[in-house]
PDB file of all heavy atoms in Angstrom:
ATOM      1  N   ARG A   1     -22.508 -28.090  25.449  1.00  0.00           N
ATOM      2  CA  ARG A   1     -22.609 -26.622  25.339  1.00  0.00           C
ATOM      3  C   ARG A   1     -21.207 -26.057  25.432  1.00  0.00           C
ATOM      4  O   ARG A   1     -20.464 -26.392  26.345  1.00  0.00           O
ATOM      5  CB  ARG A   1     -23.469 -26.061  26.472  1.00  0.00           C
ATOM      6  CG  ARG A   1     -24.890 -26.390  26.347  1.00  0.00           C
ATOM      7  CD  ARG A   1     -25.703 -25.714  27.424  1.00  0.00           C
ATOM      8  NE  ARG A   1     -27.094 -26.084  27.211  1.00  0.00           N
ATOM      9  CZ  ARG A   1     -28.038 -25.938  28.128  1.00  0.00           C
ATOM     10  NH1 ARG A   1     -27.686 -25.431  29.322  1.00  0.00           N
ATOM     11  NH2 ARG A   1     -29.244 -26.297  27.915  1.00  0.00           N
ATOM     12  N   VAL A   2     -20.862 -25.204  24.476  1.00  0.00           N
ATOM     13  CA  VAL A   2     -19.526 -24.626  24.457  1.00  0.00           C
ATOM     14  C   VAL A   2     -19.611 -23.105  24.511  1.00  0.00           C
ATOM     15  O   VAL A   2     -20.630 -22.513  24.067  1.00  0.00           O
ATOM     16  CB  VAL A   2     -18.683 -25.041  23.265  1.00  0.00           C
ATOM     17  CG1 VAL A   2     -18.451 -26.554  23.271  1.00  0.00           C
ATOM     18  CG2 VAL A   2     -19.331 -24.637  21.943  1.00  0.00           C
ATOM     19  N   THR A   3     -18.600 -22.486  25.024  1.00  0.00           N
ATOM     20  CA  THR A   3     -18.413 -21.052  24.973  1.00  0.00           C
ATOM     21  C   THR A   3     -17.139 -20.791  24.266  1.00  0.00           C
ATOM     22  O   THR A   3     -16.112 -21.302  24.663  1.00  0.00           O
ATOM     23  CB  THR A   3     -18.394 -20.434  26.411  1.00  0.00           C
ATOM     24  OG1 THR A   3     -19.524 -20.815  27.106  1.00  0.00           O
ATOM     25  CG2 THR A   3     -18.239 -18.907  26.354  1.00  0.00           C
ATOM     26  N   GLU A   4     -17.200 -19.967  23.196  1.00  0.00           N
ATOM     27  CA  GLU A   4     -15.987 -19.744  22.432  1.00  0.00           C
ATOM     28  C   GLU A   4     -15.267 -18.493  22.938  1.00  0.00           C
ATOM     29  O   GLU A   4     -15.882 -17.569  23.534  1.00  0.00           O
ATOM     30  CB  GLU A   4     -16.338 -19.592  20.948  1.00  0.00           C
ATOM     31  CG  GLU A   4     -16.731 -20.887  20.304  1.00  0.00           C
ATOM     32  CD  GLU A   4     -16.919 -20.793  18.823  1.00  0.00           C
ATOM     33  OE1 GLU A   4     -17.331 -19.744  18.283  1.00  0.00           O
ATOM     34  OE2 GLU A   4     -16.577 -21.792  18.199  1.00  0.00           O
ATOM     35  N   ARG A   5     -14.004 -18.445  22.650  1.00  0.00           N
ATOM     36  CA  ARG A   5     -13.134 -17.285  23.002  1.00  0.00           C
ATOM     37  C   ARG A   5     -13.453 -16.150  22.061  1.00  0.00           C
ATOM     38  O   ARG A   5     -13.929 -16.383  20.935  1.00  0.00           O
ATOM     39  CB  ARG A   5     -11.710 -17.698  22.907  1.00  0.00           C
ATOM     40  CG  ARG A   5     -11.304 -18.775  23.851  1.00  0.00           C
ATOM     41  CD  ARG A   5      -9.878 -19.244  23.606  1.00  0.00           C
ATOM     42  NE  ARG A   5      -9.527 -20.316  24.466  1.00  0.00           N
ATOM     43  CZ  ARG A   5      -9.075 -20.173  25.705  1.00  0.00           C
ATOM     44  NH1 ARG A   5      -8.870 -18.960  26.166  1.00  0.00           N
ATOM     45  NH2 ARG A   5      -8.801 -21.201  26.452  1.00  0.00           N
ATOM     46  N   ARG A   6     -13.209 -14.946  22.491  1.00  0.00           N
ATOM     47  CA  ARG A   6     -13.444 -13.759  21.662  1.00  0.00           C
ATOM     48  C   ARG A   6     -12.106 -13.264  21.167  1.00  0.00           C
ATOM     49  O   ARG A   6     -11.154 -13.031  21.939  1.00  0.00           O
ATOM     50  CB  ARG A   6     -14.155 -12.678  22.461  1.00  0.00           C
ATOM     51  CG  ARG A   6     -15.520 -13.107  22.906  1.00  0.00           C
ATOM     52  CD  ARG A   6     -16.204 -12.016  23.635  1.00  0.00           C
ATOM     53  NE  ARG A   6     -16.364 -10.865  22.744  1.00  0.00           N
ATOM     54  CZ  ARG A   6     -16.562  -9.609  23.156  1.00  0.00           C
ATOM     55  NH1 ARG A   6     -16.636  -9.378  24.457  1.00  0.00           N
ATOM     56  NH2 ARG A   6     -16.724  -8.651  22.328  1.00  0.00           N
ATOM     57  N   PRO A   7     -11.995 -13.060  19.849  1.00  0.00           N
ATOM     58  CA  PRO A   7     -10.718 -12.495  19.343  1.00  0.00           C
ATOM     59  C   PRO A   7     -10.597 -11.055  19.769  1.00  0.00           C
ATOM     60  O   PRO A   7     -11.540 -10.276  19.746  1.00  0.00           O
ATOM     61  CB  PRO A   7     -10.889 -12.626  17.796  1.00  0.00           C
ATOM     62  CG  PRO A   7     -12.342 -12.724  17.550  1.00  0.00           C
ATOM     63  CD  PRO A   7     -12.948 -13.320  18.804  1.00  0.00           C
ATOM     64  N   THR A   8      -9.410 -10.648  20.200  1.00  0.00           N
ATOM     65  CA  THR A   8      -9.192  -9.304  20.685  1.00  0.00           C
ATOM     66  C   THR A   8      -8.103  -8.542  19.879  1.00  0.00           C
ATOM     67  O   THR A   8      -8.022  -7.339  19.982  1.00  0.00           O
ATOM     68  CB  THR A   8      -8.785  -9.298  22.167  1.00  0.00           C
ATOM     69  OG1 THR A   8      -7.669 -10.088  22.394  1.00  0.00           O
ATOM     70  CG2 THR A   8      -9.924  -9.746  23.041  1.00  0.00           C
ATOM     71  N   ALA A   9      -7.328  -9.302  19.113  1.00  0.00           N
ATOM     72  CA  ALA A   9      -6.234  -8.650  18.342  1.00  0.00           C
ATOM     73  C   ALA A   9      -5.834  -9.530  17.196  1.00  0.00           C
ATOM     74  O   ALA A   9      -6.127 -10.715  17.181  1.00  0.00           O
ATOM     75  CB  ALA A   9      -5.050  -8.311  19.266  1.00  0.00           C
ATOM     76  N   LEU A  10      -5.049  -8.877  16.300  1.00  0.00           N
ATOM     77  CA  LEU A  10      -4.421  -9.590  15.194  1.00  0.00           C
ATOM     78  C   LEU A  10      -2.927  -9.671  15.501  1.00  0.00           C
ATOM     79  O   LEU A  10      -2.344  -8.726  16.008  1.00  0.00           O
ATOM     80  CB  LEU A  10      -4.607  -8.826  13.898  1.00  0.00           C
ATOM     81  CG  LEU A  10      -5.910  -9.012  13.173  1.00  0.00           C
ATOM     82  CD1 LEU A  10      -5.958  -8.085  11.929  1.00  0.00           C
ATOM     83  CD2 LEU A  10      -6.156 -10.405  12.738  1.00  0.00           C
ATOM     84  N   TRP A  11      -2.323 -10.787  15.184  1.00  0.00           N
ATOM     85  CA  TRP A  11      -0.910 -10.926  15.421  1.00  0.00           C
ATOM     86  C   TRP A  11      -0.266 -11.333  14.106  1.00  0.00           C
ATOM     87  O   TRP A  11      -0.704 -12.274  13.452  1.00  0.00           O
ATOM     88  CB  TRP A  11      -0.713 -12.014  16.498  1.00  0.00           C
ATOM     89  CG  TRP A  11       0.724 -12.310  16.798  1.00  0.00           C
ATOM     90  CD1 TRP A  11       1.761 -11.441  16.919  1.00  0.00           C
ATOM     91  CD2 TRP A  11       1.261 -13.643  17.024  1.00  0.00           C
ATOM     92  NE1 TRP A  11       2.914 -12.089  17.219  1.00  0.00           N
ATOM     93  CE2 TRP A  11       2.655 -13.453  17.334  1.00  0.00           C
ATOM     94  CE3 TRP A  11       0.782 -14.859  17.060  1.00  0.00           C
ATOM     95  CZ2 TRP A  11       3.504 -14.495  17.574  1.00  0.00           C
ATOM     96  CZ3 TRP A  11       1.570 -15.918  17.297  1.00  0.00           C
ATOM     97  CH2 TRP A  11       2.970 -15.749  17.549  1.00  0.00           C
ATOM     98  N   MET A  12       0.759 -10.641  13.703  1.00  0.00           N
ATOM     99  CA  MET A  12       1.497 -10.976  12.497  1.00  0.00           C
ATOM    100  C   MET A  12       2.573 -11.968  12.845  1.00  0.00           C
ATOM    101  O   MET A  12       3.452 -11.644  13.727  1.00  0.00           O
ATOM    102  CB  MET A  12       2.144  -9.721  11.872  1.00  0.00           C
ATOM    103  CG  MET A  12       1.157  -8.747  11.299  1.00  0.00           C
ATOM    104  SD  MET A  12       0.318  -9.440   9.862  1.00  0.00           S
ATOM    105  CE  MET A  12       1.636  -9.506   8.701  1.00  0.00           C
ATOM    106  N   HIS A  13       2.507 -13.143  12.268  1.00  0.00           N
ATOM    107  CA  HIS A  13       3.539 -14.208  12.579  1.00  0.00           C
ATOM    108  C   HIS A  13       3.811 -14.956  11.326  1.00  0.00           C
ATOM    109  O   HIS A  13       2.967 -15.519  10.669  1.00  0.00           O
ATOM    110  CB  HIS A  13       2.928 -15.153  13.624  1.00  0.00           C
ATOM    111  CG  HIS A  13       3.900 -16.257  14.087  1.00  0.00           C
ATOM    112  ND1 HIS A  13       5.076 -15.995  14.689  1.00  0.00           N
ATOM    113  CD2 HIS A  13       3.830 -17.601  13.857  1.00  0.00           C
ATOM    114  CE1 HIS A  13       5.671 -17.146  14.907  1.00  0.00           C
ATOM    115  NE2 HIS A  13       4.962 -18.132  14.423  1.00  0.00           N
ATOM    116  N   GLU A  14       5.115 -14.848  10.932  1.00  0.00           N
ATOM    117  CA  GLU A  14       5.640 -15.577   9.747  1.00  0.00           C
ATOM    118  C   GLU A  14       4.832 -15.183   8.517  1.00  0.00           C
ATOM    119  O   GLU A  14       4.469 -16.015   7.720  1.00  0.00           O
ATOM    120  CB  GLU A  14       5.663 -17.063   9.938  1.00  0.00           C
ATOM    121  CG  GLU A  14       6.600 -17.544  11.051  1.00  0.00           C
ATOM    122  CD  GLU A  14       6.556 -19.017  11.302  1.00  0.00           C
ATOM    123  OE1 GLU A  14       5.777 -19.724  10.628  1.00  0.00           O
ATOM    124  OE2 GLU A  14       7.295 -19.506  12.170  1.00  0.00           O
ATOM    125  N   GLY A  15       4.490 -13.911   8.387  1.00  0.00           N
ATOM    126  CA  GLY A  15       3.811 -13.394   7.238  1.00  0.00           C
ATOM    127  C   GLY A  15       2.308 -13.695   7.191  1.00  0.00           C
ATOM    128  O   GLY A  15       1.650 -13.393   6.186  1.00  0.00           O
ATOM    129  N   ARG A  16       1.741 -14.185   8.279  1.00  0.00           N
ATOM    130  CA  ARG A  16       0.299 -14.464   8.359  1.00  0.00           C
ATOM    131  C   ARG A  16      -0.317 -13.636   9.464  1.00  0.00           C
ATOM    132  O   ARG A  16       0.320 -13.360  10.502  1.00  0.00           O
ATOM    133  CB  ARG A  16       0.047 -15.940   8.639  1.00  0.00           C
ATOM    134  CG  ARG A  16       0.587 -16.925   7.651  1.00  0.00           C
ATOM    135  CD  ARG A  16       0.268 -18.373   7.933  1.00  0.00           C
ATOM    136  NE  ARG A  16       0.088 -18.582   9.412  1.00  0.00           N
ATOM    137  CZ  ARG A  16      -0.117 -19.749   9.919  1.00  0.00           C
ATOM    138  NH1 ARG A  16      -0.098 -20.791   9.183  1.00  0.00           N
ATOM    139  NH2 ARG A  16      -0.295 -19.890  11.227  1.00  0.00           N
ATOM    140  N   GLU A  17      -1.602 -13.307   9.245  1.00  0.00           N
ATOM    141  CA  GLU A  17      -2.311 -12.608  10.273  1.00  0.00           C
ATOM    142  C   GLU A  17      -3.077 -13.670  11.056  1.00  0.00           C
ATOM    143  O   GLU A  17      -3.830 -14.487  10.497  1.00  0.00           O
ATOM    144  CB  GLU A  17      -3.305 -11.614   9.702  1.00  0.00           C
ATOM    145  CG  GLU A  17      -2.645 -10.421   9.072  1.00  0.00           C
ATOM    146  CD  GLU A  17      -3.675  -9.428   8.533  1.00  0.00           C
ATOM    147  OE1 GLU A  17      -4.723  -9.887   8.053  1.00  0.00           O
ATOM    148  OE2 GLU A  17      -3.345  -8.258   8.525  1.00  0.00           O
ATOM    149  N   ILE A  18      -2.936 -13.673  12.374  1.00  0.00           N
ATOM    150  CA  ILE A  18      -3.542 -14.680  13.243  1.00  0.00           C
ATOM    151  C   ILE A  18      -4.375 -14.015  14.291  1.00  0.00           C
ATOM    152  O   ILE A  18      -3.959 -13.042  14.946  1.00  0.00           O
ATOM    153  CB  ILE A  18      -2.450 -15.560  13.940  1.00  0.00           C
ATOM    154  CG1 ILE A  18      -1.636 -16.289  12.867  1.00  0.00           C
ATOM    155  CG2 ILE A  18      -3.096 -16.561  14.913  1.00  0.00           C
ATOM    156  CD1 ILE A  18      -0.443 -17.022  13.391  1.00  0.00           C
ATOM    157  N   LEU A  19      -5.621 -14.481  14.471  1.00  0.00           N
ATOM    158  CA  LEU A  19      -6.489 -13.946  15.528  1.00  0.00           C
ATOM    159  C   LEU A  19      -6.060 -14.517  16.863  1.00  0.00           C
ATOM    160  O   LEU A  19      -5.764 -15.705  16.953  1.00  0.00           O
ATOM    161  CB  LEU A  19      -7.943 -14.367  15.250  1.00  0.00           C
ATOM    162  CG  LEU A  19      -8.645 -13.767  14.104  1.00  0.00           C
ATOM    163  CD1 LEU A  19     -10.030 -14.404  13.859  1.00  0.00           C
ATOM    164  CD2 LEU A  19      -8.828 -12.258  14.327  1.00  0.00           C
ATOM    165  N   ILE A  20      -5.928 -13.641  17.862  1.00  0.00           N
ATOM    166  CA  ILE A  20      -5.581 -14.132  19.189  1.00  0.00           C
ATOM    167  C   ILE A  20      -6.634 -13.554  20.178  1.00  0.00           C
ATOM    168  O   ILE A  20      -7.304 -12.556  19.912  1.00  0.00           O
ATOM    169  CB  ILE A  20      -4.148 -13.678  19.625  1.00  0.00           C
ATOM    170  CG1 ILE A  20      -4.012 -12.156  19.609  1.00  0.00           C
ATOM    171  CG2 ILE A  20      -3.128 -14.365  18.749  1.00  0.00           C
ATOM    172  CD1 ILE A  20      -2.693 -11.672  20.177  1.00  0.00           C
ATOM    173  N   ASP A  21      -6.708 -14.220  21.341  1.00  0.00           N
ATOM    174  CA  ASP A  21      -7.625 -13.718  22.392  1.00  0.00           C
ATOM    175  C   ASP A  21      -6.869 -12.915  23.383  1.00  0.00           C
ATOM    176  O   ASP A  21      -5.659 -12.596  23.203  1.00  0.00           O
ATOM    177  CB  ASP A  21      -8.386 -14.880  23.054  1.00  0.00           C
ATOM    178  CG  ASP A  21      -7.573 -15.743  23.937  1.00  0.00           C
ATOM    179  OD1 ASP A  21      -6.336 -15.564  23.916  1.00  0.00           O
ATOM    180  OD2 ASP A  21      -8.086 -16.616  24.605  1.00  0.00           O
ATOM    181  N   VAL A  22      -7.505 -12.505  24.446  1.00  0.00           N
ATOM    182  CA  VAL A  22      -6.920 -11.629  25.431  1.00  0.00           C
ATOM    183  C   VAL A  22      -5.716 -12.233  26.133  1.00  0.00           C
ATOM    184  O   VAL A  22      -4.817 -11.541  26.576  1.00  0.00           O
ATOM    185  CB  VAL A  22      -7.962 -11.107  26.449  1.00  0.00           C
ATOM    186  CG1 VAL A  22      -8.394 -12.260  27.377  1.00  0.00           C
ATOM    187  CG2 VAL A  22      -7.491  -9.897  27.223  1.00  0.00           C
ATOM    188  N   THR A  23      -5.663 -13.562  26.201  1.00  0.00           N
ATOM    189  CA  THR A  23      -4.513 -14.284  26.830  1.00  0.00           C
ATOM    190  C   THR A  23      -3.373 -14.469  25.892  1.00  0.00           C
ATOM    191  O   THR A  23      -2.347 -14.934  26.272  1.00  0.00           O
ATOM    192  CB  THR A  23      -4.984 -15.605  27.390  1.00  0.00           C
ATOM    193  OG1 THR A  23      -5.309 -16.488  26.296  1.00  0.00           O
ATOM    194  CG2 THR A  23      -6.122 -15.475  28.385  1.00  0.00           C
ATOM    195  N   GLY A  24      -3.533 -14.182  24.610  1.00  0.00           N
ATOM    196  CA  GLY A  24      -2.503 -14.415  23.577  1.00  0.00           C
ATOM    197  C   GLY A  24      -2.634 -15.764  22.902  1.00  0.00           C
ATOM    198  O   GLY A  24      -1.758 -16.135  22.146  1.00  0.00           O
ATOM    199  N   ARG A  25      -3.670 -16.510  23.201  1.00  0.00           N
ATOM    200  CA  ARG A  25      -3.881 -17.805  22.582  1.00  0.00           C
ATOM    201  C   ARG A  25      -4.236 -17.616  21.114  1.00  0.00           C
ATOM    202  O   ARG A  25      -5.130 -16.834  20.787  1.00  0.00           O
ATOM    203  CB  ARG A  25      -4.986 -18.569  23.321  1.00  0.00           C
ATOM    204  CG  ARG A  25      -5.218 -19.907  22.743  1.00  0.00           C
ATOM    205  CD  ARG A  25      -6.206 -20.661  23.604  1.00  0.00           C
ATOM    206  NE  ARG A  25      -6.470 -21.978  23.075  1.00  0.00           N
ATOM    207  CZ  ARG A  25      -7.005 -22.977  23.766  1.00  0.00           C
ATOM    208  NH1 ARG A  25      -7.376 -22.794  25.020  1.00  0.00           N
ATOM    209  NH2 ARG A  25      -7.252 -24.108  23.184  1.00  0.00           N
ATOM    210  N   GLU A  26      -3.587 -18.417  20.281  1.00  0.00           N
ATOM    211  CA  GLU A  26      -3.876 -18.343  18.811  1.00  0.00           C
ATOM    212  C   GLU A  26      -5.210 -19.033  18.578  1.00  0.00           C
ATOM    213  O   GLU A  26      -5.438 -20.151  19.025  1.00  0.00           O
ATOM    214  CB  GLU A  26      -2.781 -19.087  18.012  1.00  0.00           C
ATOM    215  CG  GLU A  26      -1.465 -18.413  18.055  1.00  0.00           C
ATOM    216  CD  GLU A  26      -0.469 -19.091  17.169  1.00  0.00           C
ATOM    217  OE1 GLU A  26      -0.820 -19.805  16.235  1.00  0.00           O
ATOM    218  OE2 GLU A  26       0.749 -18.917  17.422  1.00  0.00           O
ATOM    219  N   LEU A  27      -6.097 -18.343  17.909  1.00  0.00           N
ATOM    220  CA  LEU A  27      -7.401 -18.887  17.581  1.00  0.00           C
ATOM    221  C   LEU A  27      -7.473 -19.445  16.196  1.00  0.00           C
ATOM    222  O   LEU A  27      -7.825 -20.592  15.966  1.00  0.00           O
ATOM    223  CB  LEU A  27      -8.504 -17.796  17.764  1.00  0.00           C
ATOM    224  CG  LEU A  27      -8.594 -17.204  19.168  1.00  0.00           C
ATOM    225  CD1 LEU A  27      -9.615 -16.135  19.225  1.00  0.00           C
ATOM    226  CD2 LEU A  27      -8.832 -18.245  20.195  1.00  0.00           C
ATOM    227  N   SER A  28      -7.114 -18.650  15.193  1.00  0.00           N
ATOM    228  CA  SER A  28      -7.055 -19.151  13.803  1.00  0.00           C
ATOM    229  C   SER A  28      -6.341 -18.087  12.946  1.00  0.00           C
ATOM    230  O   SER A  28      -6.344 -16.906  13.279  1.00  0.00           O
ATOM    231  CB  SER A  28      -8.404 -19.496  13.259  1.00  0.00           C
ATOM    232  OG  SER A  28      -9.193 -18.328  13.117  1.00  0.00           O
ATOM    233  N   ALA A  29      -5.825 -18.559  11.844  1.00  0.00           N
ATOM    234  CA  ALA A  29      -5.221 -17.699  10.876  1.00  0.00           C
ATOM    235  C   ALA A  29      -6.349 -17.098   9.966  1.00  0.00           C
ATOM    236  O   ALA A  29      -7.349 -17.763   9.731  1.00  0.00           O
ATOM    237  CB  ALA A  29      -4.225 -18.413  10.022  1.00  0.00           C
ATOM    238  N   LEU A  30      -6.136 -15.865   9.582  1.00  0.00           N
ATOM    239  CA  LEU A  30      -7.091 -15.225   8.697  1.00  0.00           C
ATOM    240  C   LEU A  30      -6.784 -15.625   7.235  1.00  0.00           C
ATOM    241  O   LEU A  30      -5.649 -15.766   6.875  1.00  0.00           O
ATOM    242  CB  LEU A  30      -7.030 -13.691   8.832  1.00  0.00           C
ATOM    243  CG  LEU A  30      -7.657 -13.050  10.045  1.00  0.00           C
ATOM    244  CD1 LEU A  30      -7.478 -11.565   9.951  1.00  0.00           C
ATOM    245  CD2 LEU A  30      -9.115 -13.444  10.112  1.00  0.00           C
ATOM    246  N   LYS A  31      -7.863 -15.761   6.491  1.00  0.00           N
ATOM    247  CA  LYS A  31      -7.677 -15.992   5.027  1.00  0.00           C
ATOM    248  C   LYS A  31      -7.202 -14.705   4.444  1.00  0.00           C
ATOM    249  O   LYS A  31      -7.539 -13.604   4.856  1.00  0.00           O
ATOM    250  CB  LYS A  31      -8.983 -16.448   4.427  1.00  0.00           C
ATOM    251  CG  LYS A  31      -9.437 -17.838   4.926  1.00  0.00           C
ATOM    252  CD  LYS A  31     -10.752 -18.248   4.311  1.00  0.00           C
ATOM    253  CE  LYS A  31     -11.142 -19.558   4.840  1.00  0.00           C
ATOM    254  NZ  LYS A  31     -12.484 -19.954   4.352  1.00  0.00           N
ATOM    255  N   ALA A  32      -6.469 -14.842   3.358  1.00  0.00           N
ATOM    256  CA  ALA A  32      -5.928 -13.694   2.636  1.00  0.00           C
ATOM    257  C   ALA A  32      -7.082 -12.833   2.167  1.00  0.00           C
ATOM    258  O   ALA A  32      -8.095 -13.323   1.614  1.00  0.00           O
ATOM    259  CB  ALA A  32      -5.056 -14.099   1.482  1.00  0.00           C
ATOM    260  N   GLY A  33      -7.002 -11.522   2.353  1.00  0.00           N
ATOM    261  CA  GLY A  33      -8.018 -10.594   1.916  1.00  0.00           C
ATOM    262  C   GLY A  33      -9.127 -10.367   2.928  1.00  0.00           C
ATOM    263  O   GLY A  33     -10.034  -9.546   2.673  1.00  0.00           O
ATOM    264  N   THR A  34      -9.110 -11.046   4.048  1.00  0.00           N
ATOM    265  CA  THR A  34     -10.150 -10.819   5.068  1.00  0.00           C
ATOM    266  C   THR A  34      -9.842  -9.599   5.880  1.00  0.00           C
ATOM    267  O   THR A  34      -8.756  -9.361   6.306  1.00  0.00           O
ATOM    268  CB  THR A  34     -10.199 -12.028   6.052  1.00  0.00           C
ATOM    269  OG1 THR A  34     -10.385 -13.235   5.288  1.00  0.00           O
ATOM    270  CG2 THR A  34     -11.337 -11.872   7.060  1.00  0.00           C
ATOM    271  N   GLN A  35     -10.899  -8.739   6.018  1.00  0.00           N
ATOM    272  CA  GLN A  35     -10.693  -7.501   6.747  1.00  0.00           C
ATOM    273  C   GLN A  35     -11.415  -7.609   8.084  1.00  0.00           C
ATOM    274  O   GLN A  35     -12.589  -7.948   8.139  1.00  0.00           O
ATOM    275  CB  GLN A  35     -11.351  -6.342   5.916  1.00  0.00           C
ATOM    276  CG  GLN A  35     -10.667  -6.096   4.591  1.00  0.00           C
ATOM    277  CD  GLN A  35      -9.244  -5.583   4.742  1.00  0.00           C
ATOM    278  OE1 GLN A  35      -8.944  -4.810   5.641  1.00  0.00           O
ATOM    279  NE2 GLN A  35      -8.338  -6.009   3.846  1.00  0.00           N
ATOM    280  N   VAL A  36     -10.715  -7.349   9.185  1.00  0.00           N
ATOM    281  CA  VAL A  36     -11.304  -7.289  10.518  1.00  0.00           C
ATOM    282  C   VAL A  36     -10.876  -6.045  11.204  1.00  0.00           C
ATOM    283  O   VAL A  36      -9.798  -5.529  10.900  1.00  0.00           O
ATOM    284  CB  VAL A  36     -10.938  -8.531  11.329  1.00  0.00           C
ATOM    285  CG1 VAL A  36     -11.521  -9.811  10.802  1.00  0.00           C
ATOM    286  CG2 VAL A  36      -9.428  -8.672  11.492  1.00  0.00           C
ATOM    287  N   LYS A  37     -11.753  -5.510  12.101  1.00  0.00           N
ATOM    288  CA  LYS A  37     -11.440  -4.346  12.832  1.00  0.00           C
ATOM    289  C   LYS A  37     -10.934  -4.695  14.196  1.00  0.00           C
ATOM    290  O   LYS A  37     -11.698  -4.571  15.143  1.00  0.00           O
ATOM    291  CB  LYS A  37     -12.619  -3.425  12.857  1.00  0.00           C
ATOM    292  CG  LYS A  37     -13.059  -2.897  11.529  1.00  0.00           C
ATOM    293  CD  LYS A  37     -14.227  -1.964  11.598  1.00  0.00           C
ATOM    294  CE  LYS A  37     -14.635  -1.478  10.236  1.00  0.00           C
ATOM    295  NZ  LYS A  37     -15.754  -0.601  10.231  1.00  0.00           N
ATOM    296  N   LEU A  38      -9.676  -5.072  14.269  1.00  0.00           N
ATOM    297  CA  LEU A  38      -9.069  -5.437  15.544  1.00  0.00           C
ATOM    298  C   LEU A  38      -7.664  -4.800  15.592  1.00  0.00           C
ATOM    299  O   LEU A  38      -7.034  -4.606  14.533  1.00  0.00           O
ATOM    300  CB  LEU A  38      -8.909  -6.937  15.709  1.00  0.00           C
ATOM    301  CG  LEU A  38     -10.169  -7.772  15.899  1.00  0.00           C
ATOM    302  CD1 LEU A  38      -9.854  -9.265  15.865  1.00  0.00           C
ATOM    303  CD2 LEU A  38     -10.821  -7.409  17.209  1.00  0.00           C
ATOM    304  N   PRO A  39      -7.193  -4.442  16.781  1.00  0.00           N
ATOM    305  CA  PRO A  39      -5.850  -3.839  16.882  1.00  0.00           C
ATOM    306  C   PRO A  39      -4.792  -4.866  16.522  1.00  0.00           C
ATOM    307  O   PRO A  39      -4.993  -6.050  16.675  1.00  0.00           O
ATOM    308  CB  PRO A  39      -5.756  -3.377  18.331  1.00  0.00           C
ATOM    309  CG  PRO A  39      -6.780  -4.168  19.062  1.00  0.00           C
ATOM    310  CD  PRO A  39      -7.837  -4.529  18.079  1.00  0.00           C
ATOM    311  N   LEU A  40      -3.651  -4.381  16.055  1.00  0.00           N
ATOM    312  CA  LEU A  40      -2.532  -5.277  15.724  1.00  0.00           C
ATOM    313  C   LEU A  40      -1.718  -5.426  16.973  1.00  0.00           C
ATOM    314  O   LEU A  40      -1.222  -4.482  17.580  1.00  0.00           O
ATOM    315  CB  LEU A  40      -1.659  -4.621  14.590  1.00  0.00           C
ATOM    316  CG  LEU A  40      -0.591  -5.463  14.045  1.00  0.00           C
ATOM    317  CD1 LEU A  40      -1.163  -6.757  13.404  1.00  0.00           C
ATOM    318  CD2 LEU A  40       0.179  -4.707  12.985  1.00  0.00           C
TER     319      LEU A  40
END
């Protein structure tokens, strides 16, 4: 049984948008053209 982290913001790093959680941990990079409603 796993509990996953919740993305809380987008981070721009080296030209890519990366989902991060509240601790700043990188979760995954967004695919080009993906729209999410998270603060930058």
